[in-house]
Amino acid sequence: MMRDTHDEARELIAVGHAASDAQQIWLRNHLEECASCRDYAEGAAQMVRALRSLPVVADARLVRATQMRVRFHAARLRETRERMWLVGLACLGVGLTATLTLPFLWRLFAWMGDQIGVSTLVWQTAFLLFFIAPALVLGVVLLARGAHVKSHKQGSWQW
């Protein structure tokens, strides 16, 4: 079924500025030629102006409920920001202590490997497992519990 040019013009009038540049040019050309579509466009513009001139009054309960929700979400954002600050400090502390203790642990494992008489590959593998084991265990525990990081629309993270 073919669309009527007048129907297409009315749809573009309803869309307004969301129409593409080519569609707006076509609509302007059509409105110059078609009196009925031009009257429709003028009527639509008058209706939009009339609707925009009406004051919108919100009920006091709606205003209070909205303010309460905004305050609640603002408090949650503050808590999340504070929590992320603490997580950042904890990561910094873990990184610093790992950097400081890594050479000592390396020497300890090398010394223990010499004392026990195992090959270098064995004590280096043991060192690697010892170093990675806490992260692996924590990951398995979190997966077993079903805990994971969820992303929200606001961009905040929740555990």
C-alpha atoms as a PDB file:
ATOM      1  CA  MET A   1       0.000   0.000   0.000  1.00  0.00           C
ATOM      2  CA  MET A   2       1.427   3.354  -1.026  1.00  0.00           C
ATOM      3  CA  ARG A   3       1.662   6.078   1.571  1.00  0.00           C
ATOM      4  CA  ASP A   4      -0.004   9.350   0.761  1.00  0.00           C
ATOM      5  CA  THR A   5       2.339  12.354   0.686  1.00  0.00           C
ATOM      6  CA  HIS A   6      -0.048  14.211   2.999  1.00  0.00           C
ATOM      7  CA  ASP A   7       0.125  11.378   5.564  1.00  0.00           C
ATOM      8  CA  GLU A   8       3.903  11.427   5.369  1.00  0.00           C
ATOM      9  CA  ALA A   9       3.931  15.206   5.821  1.00  0.00           C
ATOM     10  CA  ARG A  10       1.672  14.924   8.904  1.00  0.00           C
ATOM     11  CA  GLU A  11       3.955  12.278  10.405  1.00  0.00           C
ATOM     12  CA  LEU A  12       6.971  14.526   9.874  1.00  0.00           C
ATOM     13  CA  ILE A  13       5.087  17.459  11.435  1.00  0.00           C
ATOM     14  CA  ALA A  14       4.372  15.275  14.465  1.00  0.00           C
ATOM     15  CA  VAL A  15       8.054  14.243  14.704  1.00  0.00           C
ATOM     16  CA  GLY A  16       9.186  17.856  14.560  1.00  0.00           C
ATOM     17  CA  HIS A  17      12.908  18.555  14.835  1.00  0.00           C
ATOM     18  CA  ALA A  18      13.732  14.861  15.214  1.00  0.00           C
ATOM     19  CA  ALA A  19      13.334  14.411  11.449  1.00  0.00           C
ATOM     20  CA  SER A  20      16.472  14.252   9.346  1.00  0.00           C
ATOM     21  CA  ASP A  21      17.671  17.239   7.335  1.00  0.00           C
ATOM     22  CA  ALA A  22      16.485  15.702   4.070  1.00  0.00           C
ATOM     23  CA  GLN A  23      13.040  15.038   5.548  1.00  0.00           C
ATOM     24  CA  GLN A  24      12.794  18.594   6.862  1.00  0.00           C
ATOM     25  CA  ILE A  25      13.715  20.000   3.444  1.00  0.00           C
ATOM     26  CA  TRP A  26      11.092  17.785   1.793  1.00  0.00           C
ATOM     27  CA  LEU A  27       8.512  18.889   4.391  1.00  0.00           C
ATOM     28  CA  ARG A  28       9.279  22.590   3.835  1.00  0.00           C
ATOM     29  CA  ASN A  29       8.896  22.161   0.080  1.00  0.00           C
ATOM     30  CA  HIS A  30       5.641  20.249   0.536  1.00  0.00           C
ATOM     31  CA  LEU A  31       4.234  22.874   2.936  1.00  0.00           C
ATOM     32  CA  GLU A  32       4.969  25.612   0.369  1.00  0.00           C
ATOM     33  CA  GLU A  33       2.829  23.765  -2.172  1.00  0.00           C
ATOM     34  CA  CYS A  34       0.066  22.230   0.001  1.00  0.00           C
ATOM     35  CA  ALA A  35      -2.351  24.535   1.853  1.00  0.00           C
ATOM     36  CA  SER A  36      -4.065  21.765   3.848  1.00  0.00           C
ATOM     37  CA  CYS A  37      -0.759  20.429   5.243  1.00  0.00           C
ATOM     38  CA  ARG A  38       0.371  24.000   5.944  1.00  0.00           C
ATOM     39  CA  ASP A  39      -2.853  24.575   7.944  1.00  0.00           C
ATOM     40  CA  TYR A  40      -2.246  21.291   9.782  1.00  0.00           C
ATOM     41  CA  ALA A  41       1.327  22.375  10.629  1.00  0.00           C
ATOM     42  CA  GLU A  42       0.145  25.775  11.876  1.00  0.00           C
ATOM     43  CA  GLY A  43      -2.554  24.126  13.991  1.00  0.00           C
ATOM     44  CA  ALA A  44      -0.026  21.690  15.461  1.00  0.00           C
ATOM     45  CA  ALA A  45       2.360  24.549  16.244  1.00  0.00           C
ATOM     46  CA  GLN A  46      -0.436  26.502  17.958  1.00  0.00           C
ATOM     47  CA  MET A  47      -1.358  23.426  19.997  1.00  0.00           C
ATOM     48  CA  VAL A  48       2.252  22.944  21.104  1.00  0.00           C
ATOM     49  CA  ARG A  49       2.527  26.608  22.100  1.00  0.00           C
ATOM     50  CA  ALA A  50      -0.742  26.364  24.047  1.00  0.00           C
ATOM     51  CA  LEU A  51       0.420  23.240  25.873  1.00  0.00           C
ATOM     52  CA  ARG A  52       3.763  24.823  26.715  1.00  0.00           C
ATOM     53  CA  SER A  53       2.047  27.901  28.135  1.00  0.00           C
ATOM     54  CA  LEU A  54       0.045  25.847  30.658  1.00  0.00           C
ATOM     55  CA  PRO A  55       1.609  25.780  34.106  1.00  0.00           C
ATOM     56  CA  VAL A  56       2.365  22.344  35.481  1.00  0.00           C
ATOM     57  CA  VAL A  57       1.665  21.982  39.178  1.00  0.00           C
ATOM     58  CA  ALA A  58       2.820  18.951  41.092  1.00  0.00           C
ATOM     59  CA  ASP A  59       0.969  17.571  44.075  1.00  0.00           C
ATOM     60  CA  ALA A  60       2.733  18.174  47.410  1.00  0.00           C
ATOM     61  CA  ARG A  61       2.890  14.412  48.073  1.00  0.00           C
ATOM     62  CA  LEU A  62       4.586  13.854  44.723  1.00  0.00           C
ATOM     63  CA  VAL A  63       7.133  16.573  45.498  1.00  0.00           C
ATOM     64  CA  ARG A  64       7.888  15.080  48.937  1.00  0.00           C
ATOM     65  CA  ALA A  65       8.173  11.556  47.527  1.00  0.00           C
ATOM     66  CA  THR A  66      10.503  12.756  44.780  1.00  0.00           C
ATOM     67  CA  GLN A  67      12.657  14.698  47.243  1.00  0.00           C
ATOM     68  CA  MET A  68      12.830  11.653  49.511  1.00  0.00           C
ATOM     69  CA  ARG A  69      13.939   9.428  46.613  1.00  0.00           C
ATOM     70  CA  VAL A  70      16.536  11.934  45.466  1.00  0.00           C
ATOM     71  CA  ARG A  71      17.946  12.213  48.998  1.00  0.00           C
ATOM     72  CA  PHE A  72      17.983   8.423  49.347  1.00  0.00           C
ATOM     73  CA  HIS A  73      19.887   7.980  46.093  1.00  0.00           C
ATOM     74  CA  ALA A  74      22.269  10.812  46.980  1.00  0.00           C
ATOM     75  CA  ALA A  75      23.028   9.081  50.291  1.00  0.00           C
ATOM     76  CA  ARG A  76      23.651   5.798  48.472  1.00  0.00           C
ATOM     77  CA  LEU A  77      26.015   7.535  46.061  1.00  0.00           C
ATOM     78  CA  ARG A  78      27.917   9.078  49.000  1.00  0.00           C
ATOM     79  CA  GLU A  79      28.174   5.674  50.686  1.00  0.00           C
ATOM     80  CA  THR A  80      29.389   4.089  47.462  1.00  0.00           C
ATOM     81  CA  ARG A  81      31.975   6.836  46.999  1.00  0.00           C
ATOM     82  CA  GLU A  82      33.215   6.377  50.574  1.00  0.00           C
ATOM     83  CA  ARG A  83      33.331   2.613  50.146  1.00  0.00           C
ATOM     84  CA  MET A  84      35.294   2.939  46.913  1.00  0.00           C
ATOM     85  CA  TRP A  85      37.733   5.274  48.694  1.00  0.00           C
ATOM     86  CA  LEU A  86      38.286   2.582  51.323  1.00  0.00           C
ATOM     87  CA  VAL A  87      38.669  -0.093  48.648  1.00  0.00           C
ATOM     88  CA  GLY A  88      41.243   2.084  46.912  1.00  0.00           C
ATOM     89  CA  LEU A  89      43.187   2.548  50.131  1.00  0.00           C
ATOM     90  CA  ALA A  90      43.034  -1.197  50.814  1.00  0.00           C
ATOM     91  CA  CYS A  91      44.339  -1.945  47.308  1.00  0.00           C
ATOM     92  CA  LEU A  92      47.141   0.546  47.823  1.00  0.00           C
ATOM     93  CA  GLY A  93      48.035  -1.090  51.150  1.00  0.00           C
ATOM     94  CA  VAL A  94      47.971  -4.595  49.666  1.00  0.00           C
ATOM     95  CA  GLY A  95      50.092  -3.499  46.724  1.00  0.00           C
ATOM     96  CA  LEU A  96      52.610  -1.790  48.979  1.00  0.00           C
ATOM     97  CA  THR A  97      52.941  -4.726  51.366  1.00  0.00           C
ATOM     98  CA  ALA A  98      53.174  -7.183  48.475  1.00  0.00           C
ATOM     99  CA  THR A  99      55.928  -5.097  46.906  1.00  0.00           C
ATOM    100  CA  LEU A 100      57.855  -4.914  50.175  1.00  0.00           C
ATOM    101  CA  THR A 101      57.467  -8.581  51.142  1.00  0.00           C
ATOM    102  CA  LEU A 102      57.922 -10.169  47.704  1.00  0.00           C
ATOM    103  CA  PRO A 103      61.762 -10.141  47.747  1.00  0.00           C
ATOM    104  CA  PHE A 104      61.827 -11.597  51.271  1.00  0.00           C
ATOM    105  CA  LEU A 105      59.382 -14.350  50.361  1.00  0.00           C
ATOM    106  CA  TRP A 106      61.406 -15.134  47.236  1.00  0.00           C
ATOM    107  CA  ARG A 107      64.565 -15.516  49.319  1.00  0.00           C
ATOM    108  CA  LEU A 108      62.688 -17.576  51.923  1.00  0.00           C
ATOM    109  CA  PHE A 109      61.412 -20.001  49.297  1.00  0.00           C
ATOM    110  CA  ALA A 110      64.869 -20.206  47.707  1.00  0.00           C
ATOM    111  CA  TRP A 111      66.414 -20.948  51.123  1.00  0.00           C
ATOM    112  CA  MET A 112      63.753 -23.556  51.925  1.00  0.00           C
ATOM    113  CA  GLY A 113      64.252 -25.151  48.497  1.00  0.00           C
ATOM    114  CA  ASP A 114      68.009 -25.395  49.190  1.00  0.00           C
ATOM    115  CA  GLN A 115      67.441 -26.797  52.682  1.00  0.00           C
ATOM    116  CA  ILE A 116      64.978 -29.434  51.478  1.00  0.00           C
ATOM    117  CA  GLY A 117      66.996 -30.154  48.362  1.00  0.00           C
ATOM    118  CA  VAL A 118      64.301 -29.633  45.716  1.00  0.00           C
ATOM    119  CA  SER A 119      64.939 -28.280  42.245  1.00  0.00           C
ATOM    120  CA  THR A 120      64.602 -24.595  41.410  1.00  0.00           C
ATOM    121  CA  LEU A 121      61.514 -25.245  39.288  1.00  0.00           C
ATOM    122  CA  VAL A 122      59.740 -26.920  42.223  1.00  0.00           C
ATOM    123  CA  TRP A 123      60.300 -24.131  44.769  1.00  0.00           C
ATOM    124  CA  GLN A 124      59.502 -21.445  42.168  1.00  0.00           C
ATOM    125  CA  THR A 125      56.231 -23.222  41.361  1.00  0.00           C
ATOM    126  CA  ALA A 126      55.468 -23.465  45.092  1.00  0.00           C
ATOM    127  CA  PHE A 127      56.204 -19.750  45.462  1.00  0.00           C
ATOM    128  CA  LEU A 128      53.870 -18.921  42.571  1.00  0.00           C
ATOM    129  CA  LEU A 129      51.065 -21.039  44.042  1.00  0.00           C
ATOM    130  CA  PHE A 130      51.620 -19.505  47.479  1.00  0.00           C
ATOM    131  CA  PHE A 131      51.457 -16.018  45.982  1.00  0.00           C
ATOM    132  CA  ILE A 132      48.337 -16.666  43.841  1.00  0.00           C
ATOM    133  CA  ALA A 133      46.475 -19.030  46.223  1.00  0.00           C
ATOM    134  CA  PRO A 134      44.600 -16.351  48.243  1.00  0.00           C
ATOM    135  CA  ALA A 135      43.095 -14.831  45.102  1.00  0.00           C
ATOM    136  CA  LEU A 136      42.154 -18.248  43.744  1.00  0.00           C
ATOM    137  CA  VAL A 137      40.529 -19.342  47.006  1.00  0.00           C
ATOM    138  CA  LEU A 138      38.596 -16.086  47.323  1.00  0.00           C
ATOM    139  CA  GLY A 139      37.411 -16.369  43.714  1.00  0.00           C
ATOM    140  CA  VAL A 140      36.175 -19.931  44.255  1.00  0.00           C
ATOM    141  CA  VAL A 141      34.408 -18.949  47.490  1.00  0.00           C
ATOM    142  CA  LEU A 142      32.684 -15.988  45.845  1.00  0.00           C
ATOM    143  CA  LEU A 143      31.634 -18.109  42.869  1.00  0.00           C
ATOM    144  CA  ALA A 144      30.289 -20.798  45.200  1.00  0.00           C
ATOM    145  CA  ARG A 145      28.232 -18.198  47.089  1.00  0.00           C
ATOM    146  CA  GLY A 146      26.992 -16.670  43.861  1.00  0.00           C
ATOM    147  CA  ALA A 147      28.346 -13.255  44.781  1.00  0.00           C
ATOM    148  CA  HIS A 148      29.427 -11.145  41.847  1.00  0.00           C
ATOM    149  CA  VAL A 149      29.701  -7.531  40.871  1.00  0.00           C
ATOM    150  CA  LYS A 150      26.507  -6.032  39.434  1.00  0.00           C
ATOM    151  CA  SER A 151      26.454  -2.901  37.367  1.00  0.00           C
ATOM    152  CA  HIS A 152      23.597  -0.410  37.811  1.00  0.00           C
ATOM    153  CA  LYS A 153      22.236   2.202  35.448  1.00  0.00           C
ATOM    154  CA  GLN A 154      23.687   4.998  37.586  1.00  0.00           C
ATOM    155  CA  GLY A 155      27.145   3.558  37.119  1.00  0.00           C
ATOM    156  CA  SER A 156      27.581   2.546  40.749  1.00  0.00           C
ATOM    157  CA  TRP A 157      28.890  -0.886  41.660  1.00  0.00           C
ATOM    158  CA  GLN A 158      27.333  -3.184  44.208  1.00  0.00           C
ATOM    159  CA  TRP A 159      28.716  -6.366  45.730  1.00  0.00           C
END
